[in-house]
């Protein structure tokens, strides 16, 4: 089999401060993305999703940050590249849609300047061609009157419009990999569907790979091919979208799904949130980090080194190629 376009192996990110204990935000994360595939990273705030994406893009601060493992893009380890080499690939081969549209755009530069900047850096287009491409990009992401918008500044746009500009910048050079960190946070439901359709169309038509970071399981259900559920810096479940929703194995995943409101639930049915918070956790070396919030946990869950592996049930369902894995001693709906 040919290697995937992006292969992340045993990625670890540790933050250190003088006089303070170090904090491991990403603890051995591994996943891969093929060309034309959408892979989701799902979990609550604080589980390590955004830090993982910033490590892949080489955007974490160097001071006080230790990044180990490997991030191979088209066979080249991005973590070992010189900063200048990696910078030359960002925007051209790899692009990112950042989470906060209110602060991700430069407030003192016009939208046209910011849109054409990436084209000037990575293409041979002349000034007129860059402007024409910028107009086309704004139109593709659904911004009305794009010619007028090119001369405006970010503060003149709503949060949703700014998010669309960020997506247009990411799409400018038709990158081979897009990392979308909560790309529809500031958009209403209708525009959210349009933006997701735009991103997925790009993936299908051009073979672009996409890593979609979200906590919205509805977005996952309609977009991703494969899903990695993160908790406390580790992948606790990995499966295809259909398998994950049909047969969640890790108790955290089943808790997330149970917390989603259902239109077919009886009127007045209470929501079922996951108990506790992400701060209620064990260290992975001491057992399952989710144990303090899990209603099924016992002493067997206090054993360190719980592997990410197929359950006995999944091995029986797909003995030749089981691709549903969970880091759980007592998987939901499975025999162990």
Protein backbone atom coordinates (compact mmCIF):
# COMPACT_ATOMS: atom_id res chain seq x y z
CA UNK A 1 0.00 0.00 0.00
CA UNK A 2 1.24 3.51 -0.80
CA UNK A 3 1.85 5.81 2.20
CA UNK A 4 -0.83 8.32 3.19
CA UNK A 5 -0.44 11.97 2.28
CA UNK A 6 -0.16 12.88 5.98
CA UNK A 7 1.12 10.44 8.58
CA UNK A 8 1.29 11.58 12.19
CA UNK A 9 3.06 9.11 14.47
CA UNK A 10 3.47 9.29 18.26
CA UNK A 11 3.14 13.08 18.32
CA UNK A 12 3.85 14.56 21.75
CA UNK A 13 3.70 18.23 22.72
CA UNK A 14 4.88 19.36 26.14
CA UNK A 15 4.76 22.91 27.51
CA UNK A 16 7.21 23.96 30.20
CA UNK A 17 7.51 27.03 32.41
CA UNK A 18 10.33 27.87 34.75
CA UNK A 19 9.47 26.81 38.28
CA UNK A 20 6.30 25.02 37.15
CA UNK A 21 5.67 21.35 36.31
CA UNK A 22 5.53 20.63 32.59
CA UNK A 23 2.19 19.95 30.90
CA UNK A 24 1.71 17.34 28.18
CA UNK A 25 -1.05 18.60 25.89
CA UNK A 26 -0.66 15.95 23.18
CA UNK A 27 0.41 12.52 24.38
CA UNK A 28 1.35 10.11 21.61
CA UNK A 29 -1.26 10.94 18.96
CA UNK A 30 -1.11 8.95 15.71
CA UNK A 31 -3.37 9.17 12.66
CA UNK A 32 -3.13 9.36 8.89
CA UNK A 33 -4.95 11.15 6.09
CA UNK A 34 -5.13 10.01 2.47
CA UNK A 35 -5.53 12.30 -0.51
CA UNK A 36 -9.21 13.12 -0.96
CA UNK A 37 -10.07 11.99 2.58
CA UNK A 38 -11.63 13.98 5.42
CA UNK A 39 -10.43 12.90 8.86
CA UNK A 40 -12.02 14.35 11.98
CA UNK A 41 -10.41 15.11 15.34
CA UNK A 42 -13.22 15.26 17.89
CA UNK A 43 -13.39 16.03 21.58
CA UNK A 44 -14.14 18.59 24.25
CA UNK A 45 -12.14 21.77 24.66
CA UNK A 46 -8.78 20.98 26.24
CA UNK A 47 -8.37 17.50 24.76
CA UNK A 48 -5.47 18.49 22.48
CA UNK A 49 -7.15 18.95 19.08
CA UNK A 50 -5.94 22.45 18.28
CA UNK A 51 -2.46 21.88 19.71
CA UNK A 52 -2.15 18.84 17.44
CA UNK A 53 -3.03 20.94 14.40
CA UNK A 54 -0.61 23.71 15.34
CA UNK A 55 2.17 21.16 15.82
CA UNK A 56 1.49 19.71 12.36
CA UNK A 57 1.68 23.20 10.82
CA UNK A 58 4.79 24.15 12.82
CA UNK A 59 3.04 27.11 14.42
CA UNK A 60 3.71 26.40 18.09
CA UNK A 61 6.09 28.78 19.89
CA UNK A 62 9.60 27.39 20.15
CA UNK A 63 10.24 28.72 23.63
CA UNK A 64 9.03 26.39 26.36
CA UNK A 65 7.60 23.89 23.86
CA UNK A 66 8.90 20.40 23.15
CA UNK A 67 7.52 18.52 20.14
CA UNK A 68 8.53 14.93 19.43
CA UNK A 69 7.35 12.16 17.12
CA UNK A 70 6.99 12.52 13.37
CA UNK A 71 4.67 14.38 11.01
CA UNK A 72 5.31 13.08 7.51
CA UNK A 73 3.71 15.02 4.66
CA UNK A 74 4.16 13.30 1.31
CA UNK A 75 7.08 11.38 2.79
CA UNK A 76 8.87 14.40 4.33
CA UNK A 77 8.99 14.88 8.10
CA UNK A 78 7.76 18.42 8.75
CA UNK A 79 9.17 18.40 12.28
CA UNK A 80 12.74 18.15 10.99
CA UNK A 81 12.42 20.81 8.28
CA UNK A 82 14.16 24.15 8.64
CA UNK A 83 11.73 26.96 9.58
CA UNK A 84 12.23 28.68 6.22
CA UNK A 85 11.50 25.51 4.27
CA UNK A 86 8.35 24.83 6.25
CA UNK A 87 7.19 28.43 5.85
CA UNK A 88 7.52 28.10 2.07
CA UNK A 89 5.12 25.14 2.12
CA UNK A 90 2.51 26.74 4.37
CA UNK A 91 -0.16 28.36 2.25
CA UNK A 92 0.94 26.45 -0.83
CA UNK A 93 0.90 22.74 0.08
CA UNK A 94 -0.59 23.02 3.57
CA UNK A 95 -3.19 25.54 4.67
CA UNK A 96 -5.13 26.15 7.85
CA UNK A 97 -8.48 27.71 8.67
CA UNK A 98 -8.09 29.11 12.16
CA UNK A 99 -10.76 28.93 14.83
CA UNK A 100 -11.23 32.58 15.78
CA UNK A 101 -12.18 34.82 12.84
CA UNK A 102 -12.26 37.89 15.09
CA UNK A 103 -8.50 37.86 15.71
CA UNK A 104 -6.99 35.83 12.87
CA UNK A 105 -7.10 38.61 10.25
CA UNK A 106 -4.75 41.60 10.35
CA UNK A 107 -6.90 44.58 11.41
CA UNK A 108 -4.78 47.21 9.58
CA UNK A 109 -4.68 45.53 6.14
CA UNK A 110 -7.51 45.42 3.64
CA UNK A 111 -9.10 42.10 2.81
CA UNK A 112 -7.76 42.38 -0.74
CA UNK A 113 -4.22 42.79 0.54
CA UNK A 114 -4.54 39.76 2.78
CA UNK A 115 -6.10 37.61 0.08
CA UNK A 116 -3.53 38.47 -2.58
CA UNK A 117 -0.58 38.16 -0.20
CA UNK A 118 -0.61 34.36 -0.31
CA UNK A 119 -0.99 34.42 -4.09
CA UNK A 120 1.95 36.78 -4.43
CA UNK A 121 4.10 34.54 -2.24
CA UNK A 122 3.31 31.22 -3.91
CA UNK A 123 2.26 31.91 -7.52
CA UNK A 124 3.57 33.76 -10.59
CA UNK A 125 0.32 35.65 -11.16
CA UNK A 126 0.58 39.34 -11.95
CA UNK A 127 -1.27 41.98 -9.97
CA UNK A 128 -4.38 41.96 -12.15
CA UNK A 129 -4.59 38.17 -12.12
CA UNK A 130 -4.19 38.08 -8.34
CA UNK A 131 -7.07 40.54 -7.94
CA UNK A 132 -9.25 38.51 -10.27
CA UNK A 133 -8.46 35.34 -8.34
CA UNK A 134 -9.25 37.09 -5.04
CA UNK A 135 -12.64 38.17 -6.41
CA UNK A 136 -13.36 34.61 -7.49
CA UNK A 137 -12.38 33.22 -4.08
CA UNK A 138 -14.69 35.62 -2.24
CA UNK A 139 -17.52 34.64 -4.54
CA UNK A 140 -16.87 30.94 -3.99
CA UNK A 141 -17.22 31.30 -0.23
CA UNK A 142 -20.49 33.23 -0.57
CA UNK A 143 -19.45 36.82 0.16
CA UNK A 144 -21.75 39.29 -1.67
CA UNK A 145 -20.32 42.19 -3.67
CA UNK A 146 -16.73 40.87 -3.54
CA UNK A 147 -15.27 43.81 -5.48
CA UNK A 148 -16.30 46.25 -2.76
CA UNK A 149 -15.15 43.89 -0.01
CA UNK A 150 -11.58 43.81 -1.32
CA UNK A 151 -11.11 47.41 -0.19
CA UNK A 152 -12.65 46.92 3.25
CA UNK A 153 -11.02 46.08 6.57
CA UNK A 154 -11.85 43.13 8.88
CA UNK A 155 -13.74 45.31 11.38
CA UNK A 156 -16.26 46.13 8.66
CA UNK A 157 -17.34 42.49 8.40
CA UNK A 158 -19.35 40.30 10.73
CA UNK A 159 -17.74 37.31 12.42
CA UNK A 160 -19.28 34.93 9.91
CA UNK A 161 -18.04 36.98 6.96
CA UNK A 162 -14.53 37.06 8.43
CA UNK A 163 -14.59 33.30 8.77
CA UNK A 164 -15.44 33.01 5.09
CA UNK A 165 -12.51 35.26 4.22
CA UNK A 166 -10.21 32.97 6.23
CA UNK A 167 -11.51 29.99 4.27
CA UNK A 168 -10.93 31.87 1.00
CA UNK A 169 -7.31 32.56 2.01
CA UNK A 170 -6.80 28.88 2.85
CA UNK A 171 -8.21 27.82 -0.54
CA UNK A 172 -6.20 30.38 -2.53
CA UNK A 173 -3.36 28.13 -3.73
CA UNK A 174 -5.37 24.88 -3.89
CA UNK A 175 -3.34 23.22 -1.13
CA UNK A 176 -2.95 19.46 -0.90
CA UNK A 177 -3.84 19.46 2.81
CA UNK A 178 -6.23 21.73 4.68
CA UNK A 179 -6.52 21.77 8.45
CA UNK A 180 -9.84 23.31 9.44
CA UNK A 181 -10.01 24.19 13.13
CA UNK A 182 -13.70 24.70 13.95
CA UNK A 183 -14.25 26.36 10.52
CA UNK A 184 -17.96 27.02 11.04
CA UNK A 185 -17.90 28.33 14.62
CA UNK A 186 -19.23 31.81 13.80
CA UNK A 187 -21.65 30.83 11.03
CA UNK A 188 -25.38 30.28 11.15
CA UNK A 189 -26.73 26.85 10.25
CA UNK A 190 -27.50 27.67 6.62
CA UNK A 191 -24.10 29.21 5.87
CA UNK A 192 -22.42 26.45 7.88
CA UNK A 193 -23.86 23.88 5.48
CA UNK A 194 -22.70 25.91 2.48
CA UNK A 195 -19.15 26.26 3.80
CA UNK A 196 -18.87 22.57 4.67
CA UNK A 197 -20.20 21.68 1.23
CA UNK A 198 -17.56 23.96 -0.32
CA UNK A 199 -14.74 22.36 1.67
CA UNK A 200 -15.85 18.81 0.98
CA UNK A 201 -16.34 19.57 -2.72
CA UNK A 202 -12.74 20.80 -2.91
CA UNK A 203 -11.59 17.58 -1.26
CA UNK A 204 -13.55 15.33 -3.61
CA UNK A 205 -12.77 17.15 -6.84
CA UNK A 206 -9.09 18.01 -6.37
CA UNK A 207 -7.92 15.17 -4.13
CA UNK A 208 -7.13 17.57 -1.31
CA UNK A 209 -6.91 16.00 2.14
CA UNK A 210 -8.59 17.66 5.09
CA UNK A 211 -8.26 17.38 8.84
CA UNK A 212 -11.46 18.71 10.42
CA UNK A 213 -11.25 19.71 14.07
CA UNK A 214 -14.61 20.04 15.76
CA UNK A 215 -16.70 19.24 18.80
CA UNK A 216 -19.89 19.23 16.72
CA UNK A 217 -20.86 15.63 16.03
CA UNK A 218 -23.43 16.80 13.50
CA UNK A 219 -20.60 18.28 11.41
CA UNK A 220 -18.70 15.00 11.76
CA UNK A 221 -21.70 12.95 10.66
CA UNK A 222 -22.11 14.91 7.45
CA UNK A 223 -18.47 15.48 6.53
CA UNK A 224 -15.82 13.06 7.79
CA UNK A 225 -14.75 9.73 6.34
CA UNK A 226 -12.86 8.68 9.46
CA UNK A 227 -13.01 9.99 13.02
CA UNK A 228 -10.43 10.11 15.81
CA UNK A 229 -11.86 10.89 19.25
CA UNK A 230 -9.35 12.59 21.56
CA UNK A 231 -9.38 12.75 25.33
CA UNK A 232 -6.65 14.13 27.60
CA UNK A 233 -4.19 14.31 24.74
CA UNK A 234 -4.64 10.78 23.39
CA UNK A 235 -6.78 9.13 20.74
CA UNK A 236 -9.30 6.99 22.64
CA UNK A 237 -11.25 5.76 19.63
CA UNK A 238 -10.64 5.61 15.90
CA UNK A 239 -13.16 4.36 13.37
CA UNK A 240 -14.95 5.14 10.15
CA UNK A 241 -17.77 7.63 10.52
CA UNK A 242 -20.48 5.01 10.07
CA UNK A 243 -18.94 2.57 12.56
CA UNK A 244 -18.39 5.27 15.15
CA UNK A 245 -22.01 6.38 15.15
CA UNK A 246 -23.42 2.86 14.85
CA UNK A 247 -21.14 1.16 17.40
CA UNK A 248 -19.26 3.55 19.69
CA UNK A 249 -16.79 1.57 21.82
CA UNK A 250 -15.12 3.97 24.24
CA UNK A 251 -17.32 5.16 27.09
CA UNK A 252 -16.33 8.76 26.35
CA UNK A 253 -17.52 8.48 22.75
CA UNK A 254 -20.82 6.93 23.77
CA UNK A 255 -21.23 9.72 26.33
CA UNK A 256 -20.69 12.39 23.68
CA UNK A 257 -23.25 10.78 21.41
CA UNK A 258 -25.78 10.42 24.23
CA UNK A 259 -25.41 14.14 25.00
CA UNK A 260 -26.60 15.16 21.53
CA UNK A 261 -30.28 16.28 21.57
CA UNK A 262 -32.52 14.06 19.44
CA UNK A 263 -35.55 15.24 17.52
CA UNK A 264 -37.23 11.87 18.06
CA UNK A 265 -36.88 12.00 21.86
CA UNK A 266 -40.09 12.36 23.90
CA UNK A 267 -40.99 15.94 24.74
CA UNK A 268 -39.40 17.08 27.98
CA UNK A 269 -36.70 14.40 27.96
CA UNK A 270 -33.67 15.67 29.90
CA UNK A 271 -30.29 15.97 28.23
CA UNK A 272 -27.64 13.45 29.25
CA UNK A 273 -24.36 15.36 29.59
CA UNK A 274 -21.06 13.64 30.22
CA UNK A 275 -20.57 14.00 34.00
CA UNK A 276 -17.74 16.08 35.44
CA UNK A 277 -15.26 18.10 33.39
CA UNK A 278 -12.05 17.52 31.47
CA UNK A 279 -10.12 18.44 34.63
CA UNK A 280 -11.46 15.31 36.34
CA UNK A 281 -8.87 12.88 35.00
CA UNK A 282 -6.14 10.44 35.81
CA UNK A 283 -2.69 10.54 34.32
CA UNK A 284 -2.51 8.02 31.50
CA UNK A 285 0.38 6.22 33.21
CA UNK A 286 -1.96 5.49 36.12
CA UNK A 287 -4.85 4.19 34.03
CA UNK A 288 -7.65 5.45 31.82
CA UNK A 289 -7.81 9.26 32.02
CA UNK A 290 -11.61 9.12 31.64
CA UNK A 291 -12.08 6.88 34.70
CA UNK A 292 -13.23 9.66 37.13
CA UNK A 293 -16.09 10.48 34.73
CA UNK A 294 -16.97 6.93 33.68
CA UNK A 295 -19.83 5.02 35.27
CA UNK A 296 -18.44 1.66 34.20
CA UNK A 297 -14.85 1.96 35.41
CA UNK A 298 -13.31 -0.38 37.98
CA UNK A 299 -9.88 -1.38 39.27
CA UNK A 300 -8.99 -2.92 35.91
CA UNK A 301 -9.10 0.60 34.45
CA UNK A 302 -6.32 1.72 36.80
CA UNK A 303 -3.69 -0.13 34.83
CA UNK A 304 -1.30 2.05 32.86
CA UNK A 305 -0.57 1.47 29.20
CA UNK A 306 -4.11 0.75 27.96
CA UNK A 307 -3.59 0.24 24.20
CA UNK A 308 -5.61 1.59 21.31
CA UNK A 309 -6.75 -1.70 19.80
CA UNK A 310 -9.75 -3.47 18.21
CA UNK A 311 -12.19 -5.08 20.62
CA UNK A 312 -12.92 -8.78 20.46
CA UNK A 313 -16.26 -8.01 18.81
CA UNK A 314 -14.64 -5.88 16.10
CA UNK A 315 -12.02 -8.53 15.48
CA UNK A 316 -14.84 -11.03 14.92
CA UNK A 317 -16.68 -8.64 12.58
CA UNK A 318 -13.57 -7.88 10.49
CA UNK A 319 -10.94 -10.54 11.20
CA UNK A 320 -8.83 -9.61 8.18
CA UNK A 321 -8.71 -5.83 8.61
CA UNK A 322 -10.29 -4.48 11.80
CA UNK A 323 -10.20 -0.70 11.57
CA UNK A 324 -12.30 0.18 14.62
CA UNK A 325 -10.04 0.71 17.64
CA UNK A 326 -10.69 1.88 21.19
CA UNK A 327 -8.55 2.55 24.25
CA UNK A 328 -11.01 1.02 26.72
CA UNK A 329 -10.95 -1.89 29.17
CA UNK A 330 -14.76 -2.23 29.13
CA UNK A 331 -15.85 -1.18 25.62
CA UNK A 332 -19.46 -0.20 25.14
CA UNK A 333 -21.51 -2.79 23.27
CA UNK A 334 -18.63 -5.21 22.89
CA UNK A 335 -17.49 -8.46 24.43
CA UNK A 336 -14.00 -8.42 25.90
